């Protein structure tokens, strides 16, 4: 029978101790903040793209921001599964996010795509770093599996973006 930790909320814990839960939640919230920043950039570029490839890039970016919205929802739900509260205000996300904001109205379509491509690469690095921080993940296979799936999603999205740059 699994042991339950009693804090401000009930948690499904298994082998995961309080310190590992809080470490994983901090990592997930950091990823959530960067996902939100990347979502916002993608939406910004969707609104501001111009030029001969307008229609195809506008539609392409719409698919990406919709996917990122689902990703953010999944990250927030994983935090809730761990019994904690996800970051949920712009202020709290801006304090943690590591992606720089840019004005899409002043960028070419290729610059936008390149910026998004590099944003996805940064998230891939961040996710890999969390996965390599062995101790918390070794006792939380649910979060580990979730992050591996998230990494694969960002790999696919960055591959699609890079295809527009070649």
C-alpha atoms as a PDB file:
ATOM      1  CA  UNK A   1       0.000   0.000   0.000  1.00  0.00           C
ATOM      2  CA  UNK A   2       1.377   3.420  -0.934  1.00  0.00           C
ATOM      3  CA  UNK A   3       2.137   5.994   1.704  1.00  0.00           C
ATOM      4  CA  UNK A   4       0.236   9.279   1.540  1.00  0.00           C
ATOM      5  CA  UNK A   5       1.816  12.553   2.577  1.00  0.00           C
ATOM      6  CA  UNK A   6      -0.542  14.950   4.320  1.00  0.00           C
ATOM      7  CA  UNK A   7       0.132  18.570   3.424  1.00  0.00           C
ATOM      8  CA  UNK A   8      -2.205  21.290   2.286  1.00  0.00           C
ATOM      9  CA  UNK A   9      -3.654  18.762  -0.146  1.00  0.00           C
ATOM     10  CA  UNK A  10      -3.762  14.998  -0.543  1.00  0.00           C
ATOM     11  CA  UNK A  11      -1.191  13.599  -2.939  1.00  0.00           C
ATOM     12  CA  UNK A  12      -0.788  10.324  -4.746  1.00  0.00           C
ATOM     13  CA  UNK A  13       2.818   9.732  -3.790  1.00  0.00           C
ATOM     14  CA  UNK A  14       4.055   6.159  -4.099  1.00  0.00           C
ATOM     15  CA  UNK A  15       7.807   6.299  -3.516  1.00  0.00           C
ATOM     16  CA  UNK A  16       8.011  10.062  -4.016  1.00  0.00           C
ATOM     17  CA  UNK A  17       8.937  12.082  -0.964  1.00  0.00           C
ATOM     18  CA  UNK A  18       7.937  15.677  -0.234  1.00  0.00           C
ATOM     19  CA  UNK A  19      11.290  17.087  -1.374  1.00  0.00           C
ATOM     20  CA  UNK A  20      11.058  15.274  -4.722  1.00  0.00           C
ATOM     21  CA  UNK A  21       7.480  16.421  -5.243  1.00  0.00           C
ATOM     22  CA  UNK A  22       8.416  20.049  -4.631  1.00  0.00           C
ATOM     23  CA  UNK A  23      11.486  19.756  -6.877  1.00  0.00           C
ATOM     24  CA  UNK A  24       9.456  18.241  -9.688  1.00  0.00           C
ATOM     25  CA  UNK A  25       6.728  20.859  -9.282  1.00  0.00           C
ATOM     26  CA  UNK A  26       9.323  23.659  -9.422  1.00  0.00           C
ATOM     27  CA  UNK A  27      10.733  22.133 -12.613  1.00  0.00           C
ATOM     28  CA  UNK A  28       7.268  21.710 -14.116  1.00  0.00           C
ATOM     29  CA  UNK A  29       6.335  25.293 -13.230  1.00  0.00           C
ATOM     30  CA  UNK A  30       9.540  26.539 -14.876  1.00  0.00           C
ATOM     31  CA  UNK A  31       8.669  24.583 -18.001  1.00  0.00           C
ATOM     32  CA  UNK A  32       5.093  25.895 -17.814  1.00  0.00           C
ATOM     33  CA  UNK A  33       6.353  29.493 -17.735  1.00  0.00           C
ATOM     34  CA  UNK A  34       8.515  28.886 -20.797  1.00  0.00           C
ATOM     35  CA  UNK A  35       5.675  27.083 -22.570  1.00  0.00           C
ATOM     36  CA  UNK A  36       3.495  30.127 -21.898  1.00  0.00           C
ATOM     37  CA  UNK A  37       6.175  32.464 -23.276  1.00  0.00           C
ATOM     38  CA  UNK A  38       6.570  30.299 -26.392  1.00  0.00           C
ATOM     39  CA  UNK A  39       2.784  30.136 -26.826  1.00  0.00           C
ATOM     40  CA  UNK A  40       2.571  33.930 -26.557  1.00  0.00           C
ATOM     41  CA  UNK A  41       5.378  34.392 -29.089  1.00  0.00           C
ATOM     42  CA  UNK A  42       3.712  31.982 -31.488  1.00  0.00           C
ATOM     43  CA  UNK A  43       0.395  33.792 -31.170  1.00  0.00           C
ATOM     44  CA  UNK A  44       2.169  37.166 -31.580  1.00  0.00           C
ATOM     45  CA  UNK A  45       3.855  35.967 -34.778  1.00  0.00           C
ATOM     46  CA  UNK A  46       0.597  34.435 -36.049  1.00  0.00           C
ATOM     47  CA  UNK A  47      -1.018  37.859 -35.703  1.00  0.00           C
ATOM     48  CA  UNK A  48       1.887  39.792 -37.218  1.00  0.00           C
ATOM     49  CA  UNK A  49       3.251  37.646 -40.035  1.00  0.00           C
ATOM     50  CA  UNK A  50       3.283  39.355 -43.442  1.00  0.00           C
ATOM     51  CA  UNK A  51       4.779  38.715 -46.838  1.00  0.00           C
ATOM     52  CA  UNK A  52       4.447  36.270 -49.703  1.00  0.00           C
ATOM     53  CA  UNK A  53       4.158  33.246 -47.396  1.00  0.00           C
ATOM     54  CA  UNK A  54       1.531  34.923 -45.195  1.00  0.00           C
ATOM     55  CA  UNK A  55      -1.298  32.432 -45.603  1.00  0.00           C
ATOM     56  CA  UNK A  56       0.748  29.245 -45.169  1.00  0.00           C
ATOM     57  CA  UNK A  57       2.735  30.557 -42.184  1.00  0.00           C
ATOM     58  CA  UNK A  58      -0.360  32.105 -40.597  1.00  0.00           C
ATOM     59  CA  UNK A  59      -2.120  28.700 -40.721  1.00  0.00           C
ATOM     60  CA  UNK A  60       1.044  26.837 -39.673  1.00  0.00           C
ATOM     61  CA  UNK A  61       1.485  29.048 -36.598  1.00  0.00           C
ATOM     62  CA  UNK A  62      -2.186  28.633 -35.700  1.00  0.00           C
ATOM     63  CA  UNK A  63      -1.619  24.886 -35.469  1.00  0.00           C
ATOM     64  CA  UNK A  64       1.443  25.461 -33.305  1.00  0.00           C
ATOM     65  CA  UNK A  65      -0.182  27.821 -30.826  1.00  0.00           C
ATOM     66  CA  UNK A  66      -3.131  25.454 -30.481  1.00  0.00           C
ATOM     67  CA  UNK A  67      -0.700  22.589 -29.774  1.00  0.00           C
ATOM     68  CA  UNK A  68       1.164  24.702 -27.235  1.00  0.00           C
ATOM     69  CA  UNK A  69      -2.112  25.526 -25.484  1.00  0.00           C
ATOM     70  CA  UNK A  70      -2.698  21.777 -25.053  1.00  0.00           C
ATOM     71  CA  UNK A  71       0.883  21.352 -23.840  1.00  0.00           C
ATOM     72  CA  UNK A  72       0.448  24.066 -21.201  1.00  0.00           C
ATOM     73  CA  UNK A  73      -2.774  22.467 -20.021  1.00  0.00           C
ATOM     74  CA  UNK A  74      -0.976  19.125 -19.702  1.00  0.00           C
ATOM     75  CA  UNK A  75       1.894  20.627 -17.684  1.00  0.00           C
ATOM     76  CA  UNK A  76      -0.521  22.421 -15.355  1.00  0.00           C
ATOM     77  CA  UNK A  77      -2.523  19.230 -14.889  1.00  0.00           C
ATOM     78  CA  UNK A  78       0.650  17.292 -14.048  1.00  0.00           C
ATOM     79  CA  UNK A  79       1.394  19.856 -11.317  1.00  0.00           C
ATOM     80  CA  UNK A  80      -2.148  19.356  -9.976  1.00  0.00           C
ATOM     81  CA  UNK A  81      -1.695  15.566 -10.074  1.00  0.00           C
ATOM     82  CA  UNK A  82       1.323  16.067  -7.809  1.00  0.00           C
ATOM     83  CA  UNK A  83      -0.965  17.927  -5.401  1.00  0.00           C
ATOM     84  CA  UNK A  84       0.354  21.419  -5.991  1.00  0.00           C
ATOM     85  CA  UNK A  85      -0.783  24.582  -7.759  1.00  0.00           C
ATOM     86  CA  UNK A  86       0.625  25.511 -11.165  1.00  0.00           C
ATOM     87  CA  UNK A  87       1.812  29.009 -11.925  1.00  0.00           C
ATOM     88  CA  UNK A  88      -1.232  30.784 -13.237  1.00  0.00           C
ATOM     89  CA  UNK A  89      -0.571  34.510 -13.424  1.00  0.00           C
ATOM     90  CA  UNK A  90       1.456  36.431 -15.964  1.00  0.00           C
ATOM     91  CA  UNK A  91       3.465  37.971 -13.146  1.00  0.00           C
ATOM     92  CA  UNK A  92       4.454  34.610 -11.667  1.00  0.00           C
ATOM     93  CA  UNK A  93       5.297  33.203 -15.090  1.00  0.00           C
ATOM     94  CA  UNK A  94       7.347  36.252 -16.083  1.00  0.00           C
ATOM     95  CA  UNK A  95       9.395  35.881 -12.900  1.00  0.00           C
ATOM     96  CA  UNK A  96      10.406  32.346 -13.941  1.00  0.00           C
ATOM     97  CA  UNK A  97      10.372  32.293 -17.748  1.00  0.00           C
ATOM     98  CA  UNK A  98      13.682  32.152 -19.596  1.00  0.00           C
ATOM     99  CA  UNK A  99      12.570  33.055 -23.135  1.00  0.00           C
ATOM    100  CA  UNK A 100      13.003  36.600 -24.418  1.00  0.00           C
ATOM    101  CA  UNK A 101      10.000  38.421 -25.777  1.00  0.00           C
ATOM    102  CA  UNK A 102      10.209  40.012 -29.245  1.00  0.00           C
ATOM    103  CA  UNK A 103       7.959  42.330 -31.218  1.00  0.00           C
ATOM    104  CA  UNK A 104       6.563  40.315 -34.119  1.00  0.00           C
ATOM    105  CA  UNK A 105       5.498  43.486 -35.910  1.00  0.00           C
ATOM    106  CA  UNK A 106       9.155  44.249 -36.591  1.00  0.00           C
ATOM    107  CA  UNK A 107      10.276  40.810 -37.842  1.00  0.00           C
ATOM    108  CA  UNK A 108      10.260  38.981 -41.140  1.00  0.00           C
ATOM    109  CA  UNK A 109       8.469  35.646 -41.387  1.00  0.00           C
ATOM    110  CA  UNK A 110      11.833  33.852 -41.466  1.00  0.00           C
ATOM    111  CA  UNK A 111      13.019  35.691 -38.339  1.00  0.00           C
ATOM    112  CA  UNK A 112       9.821  34.680 -36.557  1.00  0.00           C
ATOM    113  CA  UNK A 113      10.203  31.032 -37.540  1.00  0.00           C
ATOM    114  CA  UNK A 114      13.867  31.064 -36.509  1.00  0.00           C
ATOM    115  CA  UNK A 115      13.035  32.600 -33.137  1.00  0.00           C
ATOM    116  CA  UNK A 116      10.347  29.983 -32.487  1.00  0.00           C
ATOM    117  CA  UNK A 117      12.710  27.229 -33.587  1.00  0.00           C
ATOM    118  CA  UNK A 118      15.300  28.365 -31.040  1.00  0.00           C
ATOM    119  CA  UNK A 119      12.592  28.664 -28.357  1.00  0.00           C
ATOM    120  CA  UNK A 120      11.677  25.022 -28.888  1.00  0.00           C
ATOM    121  CA  UNK A 121      15.355  24.061 -28.700  1.00  0.00           C
ATOM    122  CA  UNK A 122      15.667  25.897 -25.359  1.00  0.00           C
ATOM    123  CA  UNK A 123      12.661  24.029 -24.011  1.00  0.00           C
ATOM    124  CA  UNK A 124      14.143  20.735 -25.180  1.00  0.00           C
ATOM    125  CA  UNK A 125      17.345  21.537 -23.292  1.00  0.00           C
ATOM    126  CA  UNK A 126      15.359  22.529 -20.206  1.00  0.00           C
ATOM    127  CA  UNK A 127      13.337  19.300 -20.290  1.00  0.00           C
ATOM    128  CA  UNK A 128      16.469  17.189 -20.801  1.00  0.00           C
ATOM    129  CA  UNK A 129      18.137  18.930 -17.855  1.00  0.00           C
ATOM    130  CA  UNK A 130      15.158  18.138 -15.638  1.00  0.00           C
ATOM    131  CA  UNK A 131      15.169  14.515 -16.779  1.00  0.00           C
ATOM    132  CA  UNK A 132      18.905  14.223 -16.108  1.00  0.00           C
ATOM    133  CA  UNK A 133      18.489  15.501 -12.527  1.00  0.00           C
ATOM    134  CA  UNK A 134      18.154  11.838 -11.602  1.00  0.00           C
ATOM    135  CA  UNK A 135      16.909  11.647  -8.019  1.00  0.00           C
ATOM    136  CA  UNK A 136      13.449  13.241  -8.295  1.00  0.00           C
ATOM    137  CA  UNK A 137      12.613  11.559 -11.610  1.00  0.00           C
ATOM    138  CA  UNK A 138      13.771   8.105 -10.591  1.00  0.00           C
ATOM    139  CA  UNK A 139      10.946   7.911  -8.080  1.00  0.00           C
ATOM    140  CA  UNK A 140       8.333   9.694 -10.215  1.00  0.00           C
ATOM    141  CA  UNK A 141       7.917   7.671 -13.413  1.00  0.00           C
ATOM    142  CA  UNK A 142       4.630   9.430 -14.230  1.00  0.00           C
ATOM    143  CA  UNK A 143       6.304  12.830 -14.441  1.00  0.00           C
ATOM    144  CA  UNK A 144       9.328  11.320 -16.180  1.00  0.00           C
ATOM    145  CA  UNK A 145       7.103   9.727 -18.838  1.00  0.00           C
ATOM    146  CA  UNK A 146       5.139  12.964 -19.212  1.00  0.00           C
ATOM    147  CA  UNK A 147       8.351  14.954 -19.766  1.00  0.00           C
ATOM    148  CA  UNK A 148       9.697  12.450 -22.293  1.00  0.00           C
ATOM    149  CA  UNK A 149       6.465  12.808 -24.260  1.00  0.00           C
ATOM    150  CA  UNK A 150       6.714  16.596 -23.988  1.00  0.00           C
ATOM    151  CA  UNK A 151      10.313  16.478 -25.218  1.00  0.00           C
ATOM    152  CA  UNK A 152       9.204  14.473 -28.253  1.00  0.00           C
ATOM    153  CA  UNK A 153       6.475  17.030 -28.982  1.00  0.00           C
ATOM    154  CA  UNK A 154       9.021  19.858 -28.957  1.00  0.00           C
ATOM    155  CA  UNK A 155      11.396  17.853 -31.129  1.00  0.00           C
ATOM    156  CA  UNK A 156       8.624  17.397 -33.691  1.00  0.00           C
ATOM    157  CA  UNK A 157       7.576  21.057 -33.572  1.00  0.00           C
ATOM    158  CA  UNK A 158      11.164  22.280 -33.941  1.00  0.00           C
ATOM    159  CA  UNK A 159      11.696  19.917 -36.882  1.00  0.00           C
ATOM    160  CA  UNK A 160       8.606  21.409 -38.567  1.00  0.00           C
ATOM    161  CA  UNK A 161       9.844  24.941 -37.927  1.00  0.00           C
ATOM    162  CA  UNK A 162      13.324  24.136 -39.226  1.00  0.00           C
ATOM    163  CA  UNK A 163      11.756  22.745 -42.409  1.00  0.00           C
ATOM    164  CA  UNK A 164      10.490  26.264 -43.121  1.00  0.00           C
ATOM    165  CA  UNK A 165      14.008  27.645 -42.801  1.00  0.00           C
ATOM    166  CA  UNK A 166      15.901  25.257 -45.081  1.00  0.00           C
END
